[in-house]
Amino acid sequence: MPLTTIDPASALVVVDLQKGIVSALADDPAITTAVKQATHLAAEFRRHGLPVVLVNVTGRASGRTDIGRAVNTTAPPSGWADLVDELDVRPTDHLITKRRRSAFHDTGLDTLLRDLGVAQVVLCGVATGSGVESTARSASDHGYHVVLVTDAMGDPDPEIHRHSVERVFPKLGETATTAEVVDMVEATR
């Protein structure tokens, strides 16, 4: 479903744009574009006084997955979870660290958003079919109006990106480009 509105109570949620992930995918033009577009969105949300939530992942909890496979419990290298410099983290930004795919699972994200009075989440980041999609599903389950900015997200597998954008996201919320979101923020602020 195309974008119909930007709620007055909306927040940008940027998923997993961190040095360890982005540097591993630096040769992928979709990831480079996602970083550029997410950075632009963050700057515009800040300029209009809208909340920006920056999410990173520190790894999975130790133990086993729900299907019995062992989980890698090795700590990532130093700086791996640091947000990319392009995001230009500001003191007004809200930082959420997750250990699972969804930014809502076992974090304070839902409480933060509710405390801020947020009704709509605008999502972007990496990877489309993992962290972004899981967070979108959780946001929908929590009752938020979900907007997915399709040119501000990327996946190392183009087919997974396409599947999420074309088949999954229309069931969870509205989809839009960075330009469409920025234009609507401009028009409503």
C-alpha atoms as a PDB file:
ATOM      1  CA  MET A   1       0.000   0.000   0.000  1.00  0.00           C
ATOM      2  CA  PRO A   2       1.458   3.426  -0.893  1.00  0.00           C
ATOM      3  CA  LEU A   3       2.059   6.100   1.719  1.00  0.00           C
ATOM      4  CA  THR A   4      -1.051   8.043   2.671  1.00  0.00           C
ATOM      5  CA  THR A   5       0.085  10.150   5.627  1.00  0.00           C
ATOM      6  CA  ILE A   6       2.814  10.979   8.074  1.00  0.00           C
ATOM      7  CA  ASP A   7       1.254  11.032  11.520  1.00  0.00           C
ATOM      8  CA  PRO A   8       2.111  14.011  13.737  1.00  0.00           C
ATOM      9  CA  ALA A   9       3.334  11.393  16.219  1.00  0.00           C
ATOM     10  CA  SER A  10       5.794   9.481  14.044  1.00  0.00           C
ATOM     11  CA  ALA A  11       9.342   8.268  14.630  1.00  0.00           C
ATOM     12  CA  LEU A  12      12.092   7.071  12.317  1.00  0.00           C
ATOM     13  CA  VAL A  13      13.566   3.703  13.316  1.00  0.00           C
ATOM     14  CA  VAL A  14      16.885   2.884  11.613  1.00  0.00           C
ATOM     15  CA  VAL A  15      17.799  -0.807  11.910  1.00  0.00           C
ATOM     16  CA  ASP A  16      21.356  -2.183  12.122  1.00  0.00           C
ATOM     17  CA  LEU A  17      23.295   0.458  10.191  1.00  0.00           C
ATOM     18  CA  GLN A  18      26.419  -0.333  12.139  1.00  0.00           C
ATOM     19  CA  LYS A  19      30.054  -0.583  11.173  1.00  0.00           C
ATOM     20  CA  GLY A  20      30.426  -4.368  11.394  1.00  0.00           C
ATOM     21  CA  ILE A  21      27.461  -5.100   9.143  1.00  0.00           C
ATOM     22  CA  VAL A  22      27.827  -2.223   6.686  1.00  0.00           C
ATOM     23  CA  SER A  23      31.586  -2.718   6.218  1.00  0.00           C
ATOM     24  CA  ALA A  24      31.030  -6.418   5.455  1.00  0.00           C
ATOM     25  CA  LEU A  25      28.585  -5.386   2.722  1.00  0.00           C
ATOM     26  CA  ALA A  26      30.402  -2.245   1.537  1.00  0.00           C
ATOM     27  CA  ASP A  27      30.661  -3.502  -2.067  1.00  0.00           C
ATOM     28  CA  ASP A  28      26.894  -3.933  -2.322  1.00  0.00           C
ATOM     29  CA  PRO A  29      25.291  -0.893  -4.013  1.00  0.00           C
ATOM     30  CA  ALA A  30      21.943  -1.611  -2.296  1.00  0.00           C
ATOM     31  CA  ILE A  31      23.581  -1.294   1.118  1.00  0.00           C
ATOM     32  CA  THR A  32      25.442   1.874   0.109  1.00  0.00           C
ATOM     33  CA  THR A  33      22.168   3.391  -1.105  1.00  0.00           C
ATOM     34  CA  ALA A  34      20.365   2.304   2.080  1.00  0.00           C
ATOM     35  CA  VAL A  35      22.961   4.087   4.227  1.00  0.00           C
ATOM     36  CA  LYS A  36      22.732   7.249   2.115  1.00  0.00           C
ATOM     37  CA  GLN A  37      18.919   7.340   2.145  1.00  0.00           C
ATOM     38  CA  ALA A  38      18.609   6.459   5.850  1.00  0.00           C
ATOM     39  CA  THR A  39      21.083   9.232   6.662  1.00  0.00           C
ATOM     40  CA  HIS A  40      18.949  11.693   4.682  1.00  0.00           C
ATOM     41  CA  LEU A  41      15.787  10.531   6.471  1.00  0.00           C
ATOM     42  CA  ALA A  42      17.436  10.895   9.888  1.00  0.00           C
ATOM     43  CA  ALA A  43      18.543  14.436   9.071  1.00  0.00           C
ATOM     44  CA  GLU A  44      15.027  15.382   7.910  1.00  0.00           C
ATOM     45  CA  PHE A  45      13.291  13.844  10.925  1.00  0.00           C
ATOM     46  CA  ARG A  46      15.689  15.686  13.243  1.00  0.00           C
ATOM     47  CA  ARG A  47      15.170  18.964  11.357  1.00  0.00           C
ATOM     48  CA  HIS A  48      11.431  18.654  11.908  1.00  0.00           C
ATOM     49  CA  GLY A  49      11.725  17.692  15.570  1.00  0.00           C
ATOM     50  CA  LEU A  50      10.583  14.116  15.029  1.00  0.00           C
ATOM     51  CA  PRO A  51      12.187  11.289  17.040  1.00  0.00           C
ATOM     52  CA  VAL A  52      15.029   9.292  15.506  1.00  0.00           C
ATOM     53  CA  VAL A  53      15.686   5.843  16.945  1.00  0.00           C
ATOM     54  CA  LEU A  54      18.956   4.192  15.970  1.00  0.00           C
ATOM     55  CA  VAL A  55      19.085   0.444  16.511  1.00  0.00           C
ATOM     56  CA  ASN A  56      22.171  -1.729  16.600  1.00  0.00           C
ATOM     57  CA  VAL A  57      22.624  -5.414  17.260  1.00  0.00           C
ATOM     58  CA  THR A  58      25.263  -6.883  19.524  1.00  0.00           C
ATOM     59  CA  GLY A  59      24.645 -10.514  18.614  1.00  0.00           C
ATOM     60  CA  ARG A  60      22.468 -13.339  19.667  1.00  0.00           C
ATOM     61  CA  ALA A  61      22.142 -14.562  23.193  1.00  0.00           C
ATOM     62  CA  SER A  62      24.275 -17.586  23.869  1.00  0.00           C
ATOM     63  CA  GLY A  63      22.661 -20.999  23.712  1.00  0.00           C
ATOM     64  CA  ARG A  64      20.621 -22.702  21.026  1.00  0.00           C
ATOM     65  CA  THR A  65      18.129 -21.513  18.482  1.00  0.00           C
ATOM     66  CA  ASP A  66      14.512 -22.541  18.590  1.00  0.00           C
ATOM     67  CA  ILE A  67      15.255 -25.248  16.002  1.00  0.00           C
ATOM     68  CA  GLY A  68      18.136 -26.705  17.969  1.00  0.00           C
ATOM     69  CA  ARG A  69      21.131 -25.349  16.062  1.00  0.00           C
ATOM     70  CA  ALA A  70      23.998 -24.017  18.124  1.00  0.00           C
ATOM     71  CA  VAL A  71      24.374 -20.236  18.197  1.00  0.00           C
ATOM     72  CA  ASN A  72      27.754 -18.622  17.660  1.00  0.00           C
ATOM     73  CA  THR A  73      28.674 -17.225  21.063  1.00  0.00           C
ATOM     74  CA  THR A  74      31.941 -15.598  19.990  1.00  0.00           C
ATOM     75  CA  ALA A  75      31.997 -11.877  20.739  1.00  0.00           C
ATOM     76  CA  PRO A  76      32.146  -9.648  17.647  1.00  0.00           C
ATOM     77  CA  PRO A  77      35.287  -7.530  17.127  1.00  0.00           C
ATOM     78  CA  SER A  78      35.650  -4.179  18.871  1.00  0.00           C
ATOM     79  CA  GLY A  79      33.599  -1.449  17.158  1.00  0.00           C
ATOM     80  CA  TRP A  80      31.447  -3.964  15.265  1.00  0.00           C
ATOM     81  CA  ALA A  81      28.212  -2.666  16.807  1.00  0.00           C
ATOM     82  CA  ASP A  82      29.098   1.046  16.507  1.00  0.00           C
ATOM     83  CA  LEU A  83      26.684   2.967  14.295  1.00  0.00           C
ATOM     84  CA  VAL A  84      28.086   4.127  10.957  1.00  0.00           C
ATOM     85  CA  ASP A  85      29.556   7.626  11.006  1.00  0.00           C
ATOM     86  CA  GLU A  86      27.237   8.760   8.203  1.00  0.00           C
ATOM     87  CA  LEU A  87      24.273   8.643  10.607  1.00  0.00           C
ATOM     88  CA  ASP A  88      25.830  11.534  12.529  1.00  0.00           C
ATOM     89  CA  VAL A  89      24.405  10.412  15.876  1.00  0.00           C
ATOM     90  CA  ARG A  90      23.007  13.349  17.847  1.00  0.00           C
ATOM     91  CA  PRO A  91      22.301  13.711  21.571  1.00  0.00           C
ATOM     92  CA  THR A  92      18.575  13.861  20.779  1.00  0.00           C
ATOM     93  CA  ASP A  93      18.636  10.453  19.063  1.00  0.00           C
ATOM     94  CA  HIS A  94      17.382   7.418  20.934  1.00  0.00           C
ATOM     95  CA  LEU A  95      19.681   4.392  20.906  1.00  0.00           C
ATOM     96  CA  ILE A  96      18.350   0.848  21.178  1.00  0.00           C
ATOM     97  CA  THR A  97      20.580  -2.223  21.323  1.00  0.00           C
ATOM     98  CA  LYS A  98      19.053  -5.557  20.414  1.00  0.00           C
ATOM     99  CA  ARG A  99      20.277  -9.128  20.542  1.00  0.00           C
ATOM    100  CA  ARG A 100      17.692 -10.686  18.231  1.00  0.00           C
ATOM    101  CA  ARG A 101      16.310  -9.801  14.801  1.00  0.00           C
ATOM    102  CA  SER A 102      13.445  -7.581  15.934  1.00  0.00           C
ATOM    103  CA  ALA A 103      14.199  -4.246  17.570  1.00  0.00           C
ATOM    104  CA  PHE A 104      11.137  -4.824  19.759  1.00  0.00           C
ATOM    105  CA  HIS A 105      12.177  -8.189  21.199  1.00  0.00           C
ATOM    106  CA  ASP A 106      13.518  -7.851  24.738  1.00  0.00           C
ATOM    107  CA  THR A 107      14.398  -4.147  24.347  1.00  0.00           C
ATOM    108  CA  GLY A 108      12.778  -0.968  25.610  1.00  0.00           C
ATOM    109  CA  LEU A 109      11.699   0.165  22.139  1.00  0.00           C
ATOM    110  CA  ASP A 110       7.947  -0.217  22.628  1.00  0.00           C
ATOM    111  CA  THR A 111       8.087   1.589  25.996  1.00  0.00           C
ATOM    112  CA  LEU A 112      10.220   4.371  24.502  1.00  0.00           C
ATOM    113  CA  LEU A 113       7.866   4.892  21.570  1.00  0.00           C
ATOM    114  CA  ARG A 114       4.769   4.873  23.775  1.00  0.00           C
ATOM    115  CA  ASP A 115       6.410   7.325  26.210  1.00  0.00           C
ATOM    116  CA  LEU A 116       7.102   9.621  23.235  1.00  0.00           C
ATOM    117  CA  GLY A 117       3.476   9.295  22.097  1.00  0.00           C
ATOM    118  CA  VAL A 118       4.476   7.698  18.806  1.00  0.00           C
ATOM    119  CA  ALA A 119       1.701   6.162  16.708  1.00  0.00           C
ATOM    120  CA  GLN A 120       3.615   5.637  13.455  1.00  0.00           C
ATOM    121  CA  VAL A 121       7.033   4.076  12.852  1.00  0.00           C
ATOM    122  CA  VAL A 122       8.967   4.752   9.673  1.00  0.00           C
ATOM    123  CA  LEU A 123      11.436   1.903   9.148  1.00  0.00           C
ATOM    124  CA  CYS A 124      14.660   1.588   7.194  1.00  0.00           C
ATOM    125  CA  GLY A 125      18.033  -0.162   7.479  1.00  0.00           C
ATOM    126  CA  VAL A 126      19.516  -3.596   6.882  1.00  0.00           C
ATOM    127  CA  ALA A 127      18.878  -6.345   6.160  1.00  0.00           C
ATOM    128  CA  THR A 128      15.491  -6.040   4.518  1.00  0.00           C
ATOM    129  CA  GLY A 129      14.498  -9.671   5.028  1.00  0.00           C
ATOM    130  CA  SER A 130      15.892  -9.970   8.543  1.00  0.00           C
ATOM    131  CA  GLY A 131      16.168  -7.057  10.983  1.00  0.00           C
ATOM    132  CA  VAL A 132      13.886  -4.703   9.065  1.00  0.00           C
ATOM    133  CA  GLU A 133      11.180  -7.260   8.335  1.00  0.00           C
ATOM    134  CA  SER A 134      11.244  -8.661  11.885  1.00  0.00           C
ATOM    135  CA  THR A 135      10.975  -5.171  13.332  1.00  0.00           C
ATOM    136  CA  ALA A 136       8.135  -4.315  10.930  1.00  0.00           C
ATOM    137  CA  ARG A 137       6.218  -7.434  11.941  1.00  0.00           C
ATOM    138  CA  SER A 138       6.658  -6.579  15.624  1.00  0.00           C
ATOM    139  CA  ALA A 139       5.681  -2.940  15.079  1.00  0.00           C
ATOM    140  CA  SER A 140       2.506  -4.078  13.346  1.00  0.00           C
ATOM    141  CA  ASP A 141       1.783  -6.570  16.123  1.00  0.00           C
ATOM    142  CA  HIS A 142       2.230  -3.761  18.675  1.00  0.00           C
ATOM    143  CA  GLY A 143      -0.381  -1.680  16.833  1.00  0.00           C
ATOM    144  CA  TYR A 144       1.824   0.953  15.204  1.00  0.00           C
ATOM    145  CA  HIS A 145       1.071   2.464  11.810  1.00  0.00           C
ATOM    146  CA  VAL A 146       4.066   1.075   9.868  1.00  0.00           C
ATOM    147  CA  VAL A 147       5.795   2.792   6.943  1.00  0.00           C
ATOM    148  CA  LEU A 148       8.617   0.957   5.165  1.00  0.00           C
ATOM    149  CA  VAL A 149      11.042   3.120   3.187  1.00  0.00           C
ATOM    150  CA  THR A 150      12.036   0.684   0.471  1.00  0.00           C
ATOM    151  CA  ASP A 151      14.960   2.619  -1.017  1.00  0.00           C
ATOM    152  CA  ALA A 152      16.460   3.190   2.446  1.00  0.00           C
ATOM    153  CA  MET A 153      16.879  -0.512   3.140  1.00  0.00           C
ATOM    154  CA  GLY A 154      18.939  -3.238   1.576  1.00  0.00           C
ATOM    155  CA  ASP A 155      19.637  -6.924   1.711  1.00  0.00           C
ATOM    156  CA  PRO A 156      22.676  -8.784   0.408  1.00  0.00           C
ATOM    157  CA  ASP A 157      20.205 -11.074  -1.378  1.00  0.00           C
ATOM    158  CA  PRO A 158      18.206  -9.029  -3.925  1.00  0.00           C
ATOM    159  CA  GLU A 159      15.530 -11.739  -4.132  1.00  0.00           C
ATOM    160  CA  ILE A 160      14.896 -11.586  -0.395  1.00  0.00           C
ATOM    161  CA  HIS A 161      14.674  -7.776  -0.604  1.00  0.00           C
ATOM    162  CA  ARG A 162      12.205  -8.025  -3.496  1.00  0.00           C
ATOM    163  CA  HIS A 163      10.092 -10.640  -1.698  1.00  0.00           C
ATOM    164  CA  SER A 164       9.872  -8.542   1.475  1.00  0.00           C
ATOM    165  CA  VAL A 165       9.025  -5.351  -0.420  1.00  0.00           C
ATOM    166  CA  GLU A 166       6.502  -6.892  -2.799  1.00  0.00           C
ATOM    167  CA  ARG A 167       4.899  -9.664  -0.753  1.00  0.00           C
ATOM    168  CA  VAL A 168       5.405  -9.057   2.972  1.00  0.00           C
ATOM    169  CA  PHE A 169       5.480  -5.304   3.537  1.00  0.00           C
ATOM    170  CA  PRO A 170       2.117  -4.524   1.891  1.00  0.00           C
ATOM    171  CA  LYS A 171       0.531  -6.778   4.537  1.00  0.00           C
ATOM    172  CA  LEU A 172       2.256  -4.928   7.387  1.00  0.00           C
ATOM    173  CA  GLY A 173       1.878  -1.291   6.428  1.00  0.00           C
ATOM    174  CA  GLU A 174       2.584   1.293   3.780  1.00  0.00           C
ATOM    175  CA  THR A 175       5.623   1.503   1.531  1.00  0.00           C
ATOM    176  CA  ALA A 176       7.303   4.624   0.204  1.00  0.00           C
ATOM    177  CA  THR A 177      10.561   6.031  -1.099  1.00  0.00           C
ATOM    178  CA  THR A 178      12.764   8.392   0.845  1.00  0.00           C
ATOM    179  CA  ALA A 179      11.640  11.291  -1.365  1.00  0.00           C
ATOM    180  CA  GLU A 180       7.963  10.499  -0.732  1.00  0.00           C
ATOM    181  CA  VAL A 181       8.469  10.384   3.034  1.00  0.00           C
ATOM    182  CA  VAL A 182      10.520  13.594   3.084  1.00  0.00           C
ATOM    183  CA  ASP A 183       7.957  15.392   0.916  1.00  0.00           C
ATOM    184  CA  MET A 184       5.133  14.290   3.196  1.00  0.00           C
ATOM    185  CA  VAL A 185       7.050  15.289   6.350  1.00  0.00           C
ATOM    186  CA  GLU A 186       7.631  18.704   4.764  1.00  0.00           C
ATOM    187  CA  ALA A 187       3.957  19.053   3.889  1.00  0.00           C
ATOM    188  CA  THR A 188       2.705  18.112   7.344  1.00  0.00           C
ATOM    189  CA  ARG A 189       5.128  20.049   9.560  1.00  0.00           C
END
